[in-house]
């Protein structure tokens, strides 16, 4: 079609992580807050995301998760074949409860450098 497509980051072997480092450390530009928990700063939420992605949306962006849940209920279309967002919310709540209750031996027994 007469177009030349270029991929400057790929051609220079600059990874996404390195690109973010350059932007934040060398250029002094603060990255969007979504990068703190998500790999990409695409639309929130992205309906192409998997369950792990949707867990992060449920946990850190509850308003957006609830909007997606409402749309799913309104249109009768589910993103996942076997679970609705409403059902996933219950699964996520149980998962978070388990994470919150998880303890380590170091919570009870100091490491040997303390002795």
C-alpha atoms as a PDB file:
ATOM      1  CA  UNK A   1       0.000   0.000   0.000  1.00  0.00           C
ATOM      2  CA  UNK A   2       3.038   2.243  -0.191  1.00  0.00           C
ATOM      3  CA  UNK A   3       3.407   2.563   3.572  1.00  0.00           C
ATOM      4  CA  UNK A   4       6.560   1.829   5.487  1.00  0.00           C
ATOM      5  CA  UNK A   5       5.895   0.644   9.013  1.00  0.00           C
ATOM      6  CA  UNK A   6       8.585   1.231  11.610  1.00  0.00           C
ATOM      7  CA  UNK A   7       9.042  -0.123  15.123  1.00  0.00           C
ATOM      8  CA  UNK A   8      11.710   2.104  16.722  1.00  0.00           C
ATOM      9  CA  UNK A   9      11.551   0.599  20.221  1.00  0.00           C
ATOM     10  CA  UNK A  10      11.674  -2.942  18.881  1.00  0.00           C
ATOM     11  CA  UNK A  11      14.454  -2.075  16.430  1.00  0.00           C
ATOM     12  CA  UNK A  12      16.537  -0.636  19.276  1.00  0.00           C
ATOM     13  CA  UNK A  13      15.659  -3.565  21.582  1.00  0.00           C
ATOM     14  CA  UNK A  14      14.094  -1.237  24.178  1.00  0.00           C
ATOM     15  CA  UNK A  15      11.754  -3.171  26.448  1.00  0.00           C
ATOM     16  CA  UNK A  16       8.561  -1.820  27.963  1.00  0.00           C
ATOM     17  CA  UNK A  17      10.242  -1.769  31.370  1.00  0.00           C
ATOM     18  CA  UNK A  18      13.194   0.210  30.019  1.00  0.00           C
ATOM     19  CA  UNK A  19      10.867   2.608  28.219  1.00  0.00           C
ATOM     20  CA  UNK A  20       8.991   3.288  31.472  1.00  0.00           C
ATOM     21  CA  UNK A  21      12.301   3.777  33.304  1.00  0.00           C
ATOM     22  CA  UNK A  22      13.483   6.318  30.738  1.00  0.00           C
ATOM     23  CA  UNK A  23      10.212   8.229  30.919  1.00  0.00           C
ATOM     24  CA  UNK A  24      10.087   8.338  34.705  1.00  0.00           C
ATOM     25  CA  UNK A  25      13.768   8.573  35.685  1.00  0.00           C
ATOM     26  CA  UNK A  26      15.477  10.325  32.779  1.00  0.00           C
ATOM     27  CA  UNK A  27      12.652  12.542  31.578  1.00  0.00           C
ATOM     28  CA  UNK A  28      11.089  13.061  35.028  1.00  0.00           C
ATOM     29  CA  UNK A  29       7.558  12.335  33.824  1.00  0.00           C
ATOM     30  CA  UNK A  30       5.323  10.515  36.286  1.00  0.00           C
ATOM     31  CA  UNK A  31       3.726   7.429  34.779  1.00  0.00           C
ATOM     32  CA  UNK A  32      -0.073   7.064  34.993  1.00  0.00           C
ATOM     33  CA  UNK A  33      -1.233   5.414  38.214  1.00  0.00           C
ATOM     34  CA  UNK A  34      -2.503   2.333  36.369  1.00  0.00           C
ATOM     35  CA  UNK A  35       1.107   1.239  35.821  1.00  0.00           C
ATOM     36  CA  UNK A  36       1.422   0.628  39.552  1.00  0.00           C
ATOM     37  CA  UNK A  37      -0.778  -2.469  39.259  1.00  0.00           C
ATOM     38  CA  UNK A  38      -1.291  -3.140  35.535  1.00  0.00           C
ATOM     39  CA  UNK A  39       1.177  -4.024  32.782  1.00  0.00           C
ATOM     40  CA  UNK A  40      -0.483  -1.648  30.348  1.00  0.00           C
ATOM     41  CA  UNK A  41      -2.313   1.641  30.704  1.00  0.00           C
ATOM     42  CA  UNK A  42      -5.011   0.757  28.205  1.00  0.00           C
ATOM     43  CA  UNK A  43      -8.695   1.394  28.705  1.00  0.00           C
ATOM     44  CA  UNK A  44      -9.796   0.552  32.215  1.00  0.00           C
ATOM     45  CA  UNK A  45     -11.344  -1.897  32.078  1.00  0.00           C
ATOM     46  CA  UNK A  46     -10.187  -3.761  28.980  1.00  0.00           C
ATOM     47  CA  UNK A  47     -12.665  -6.484  28.128  1.00  0.00           C
ATOM     48  CA  UNK A  48      -9.883  -8.542  26.547  1.00  0.00           C
ATOM     49  CA  UNK A  49      -8.214  -9.044  29.936  1.00  0.00           C
ATOM     50  CA  UNK A  50      -8.104 -12.395  31.677  1.00  0.00           C
ATOM     51  CA  UNK A  51      -9.239 -13.295  35.175  1.00  0.00           C
ATOM     52  CA  UNK A  52      -6.013 -12.099  36.824  1.00  0.00           C
ATOM     53  CA  UNK A  53      -6.430  -8.737  35.109  1.00  0.00           C
ATOM     54  CA  UNK A  54     -10.071  -8.502  36.208  1.00  0.00           C
ATOM     55  CA  UNK A  55      -9.044  -9.322  39.786  1.00  0.00           C
ATOM     56  CA  UNK A  56      -6.794  -6.240  39.726  1.00  0.00           C
ATOM     57  CA  UNK A  57      -9.613  -4.144  38.277  1.00  0.00           C
ATOM     58  CA  UNK A  58     -11.973  -5.439  40.988  1.00  0.00           C
ATOM     59  CA  UNK A  59      -9.385  -4.715  43.689  1.00  0.00           C
ATOM     60  CA  UNK A  60      -8.030  -1.313  42.570  1.00  0.00           C
ATOM     61  CA  UNK A  61     -10.764   0.102  40.323  1.00  0.00           C
ATOM     62  CA  UNK A  62     -14.046  -1.044  41.909  1.00  0.00           C
ATOM     63  CA  UNK A  63     -16.141   1.658  40.221  1.00  0.00           C
ATOM     64  CA  UNK A  64     -14.982   0.526  36.797  1.00  0.00           C
ATOM     65  CA  UNK A  65     -15.535  -3.120  37.723  1.00  0.00           C
ATOM     66  CA  UNK A  66     -19.084  -2.344  38.855  1.00  0.00           C
ATOM     67  CA  UNK A  67     -19.815  -0.470  35.615  1.00  0.00           C
ATOM     68  CA  UNK A  68     -18.611  -3.484  33.613  1.00  0.00           C
ATOM     69  CA  UNK A  69     -20.743  -5.775  35.787  1.00  0.00           C
ATOM     70  CA  UNK A  70     -23.813  -3.577  35.192  1.00  0.00           C
ATOM     71  CA  UNK A  71     -23.257  -3.584  31.416  1.00  0.00           C
ATOM     72  CA  UNK A  72     -22.844  -7.345  31.419  1.00  0.00           C
ATOM     73  CA  UNK A  73     -26.141  -7.722  33.271  1.00  0.00           C
ATOM     74  CA  UNK A  74     -27.918  -5.164  31.068  1.00  0.00           C
ATOM     75  CA  UNK A  75     -26.856  -6.726  27.759  1.00  0.00           C
ATOM     76  CA  UNK A  76     -26.876 -10.358  28.867  1.00  0.00           C
ATOM     77  CA  UNK A  77     -23.408 -10.943  27.458  1.00  0.00           C
ATOM     78  CA  UNK A  78     -20.615 -12.345  29.613  1.00  0.00           C
ATOM     79  CA  UNK A  79     -16.914 -11.925  28.987  1.00  0.00           C
ATOM     80  CA  UNK A  80     -16.165 -15.361  30.436  1.00  0.00           C
ATOM     81  CA  UNK A  81     -18.256 -18.341  29.366  1.00  0.00           C
ATOM     82  CA  UNK A  82     -18.408 -19.995  32.765  1.00  0.00           C
ATOM     83  CA  UNK A  83     -18.722 -17.030  35.158  1.00  0.00           C
ATOM     84  CA  UNK A  84     -20.347 -13.618  35.194  1.00  0.00           C
ATOM     85  CA  UNK A  85     -18.670 -10.567  36.722  1.00  0.00           C
ATOM     86  CA  UNK A  86     -21.114 -10.869  39.633  1.00  0.00           C
ATOM     87  CA  UNK A  87     -19.979 -14.439  40.269  1.00  0.00           C
ATOM     88  CA  UNK A  88     -16.346 -13.464  39.782  1.00  0.00           C
ATOM     89  CA  UNK A  89     -16.731 -10.733  42.404  1.00  0.00           C
ATOM     90  CA  UNK A  90     -17.594 -13.426  44.959  1.00  0.00           C
ATOM     91  CA  UNK A  91     -14.578 -15.466  43.860  1.00  0.00           C
ATOM     92  CA  UNK A  92     -12.366 -12.374  44.115  1.00  0.00           C
ATOM     93  CA  UNK A  93     -13.713 -11.516  47.567  1.00  0.00           C
ATOM     94  CA  UNK A  94     -12.863 -15.028  48.775  1.00  0.00           C
ATOM     95  CA  UNK A  95      -9.405 -14.768  47.184  1.00  0.00           C
ATOM     96  CA  UNK A  96      -8.747 -11.411  48.854  1.00  0.00           C
ATOM     97  CA  UNK A  97      -9.972 -12.724  52.195  1.00  0.00           C
ATOM     98  CA  UNK A  98      -7.511 -15.617  51.890  1.00  0.00           C
ATOM     99  CA  UNK A  99      -4.682 -13.225  50.962  1.00  0.00           C
ATOM    100  CA  UNK A 100      -5.507 -11.007  53.943  1.00  0.00           C
ATOM    101  CA  UNK A 101      -5.394 -14.006  56.297  1.00  0.00           C
ATOM    102  CA  UNK A 102      -2.127 -15.400  54.910  1.00  0.00           C
ATOM    103  CA  UNK A 103       0.675 -15.296  57.448  1.00  0.00           C
ATOM    104  CA  UNK A 104       4.321 -16.235  57.412  1.00  0.00           C
ATOM    105  CA  UNK A 105       6.364 -18.029  60.028  1.00  0.00           C
ATOM    106  CA  UNK A 106       8.271 -14.757  60.368  1.00  0.00           C
ATOM    107  CA  UNK A 107       5.083 -13.245  61.777  1.00  0.00           C
ATOM    108  CA  UNK A 108       5.595 -15.489  64.818  1.00  0.00           C
ATOM    109  CA  UNK A 109       9.245 -16.569  64.853  1.00  0.00           C
ATOM    110  CA  UNK A 110      12.007 -14.021  64.362  1.00  0.00           C
ATOM    111  CA  UNK A 111      14.735 -14.857  61.878  1.00  0.00           C
ATOM    112  CA  UNK A 112      18.068 -16.006  63.207  1.00  0.00           C
ATOM    113  CA  UNK A 113      19.689 -12.581  62.831  1.00  0.00           C
ATOM    114  CA  UNK A 114      17.408 -11.350  65.648  1.00  0.00           C
ATOM    115  CA  UNK A 115      18.853 -13.816  68.145  1.00  0.00           C
END
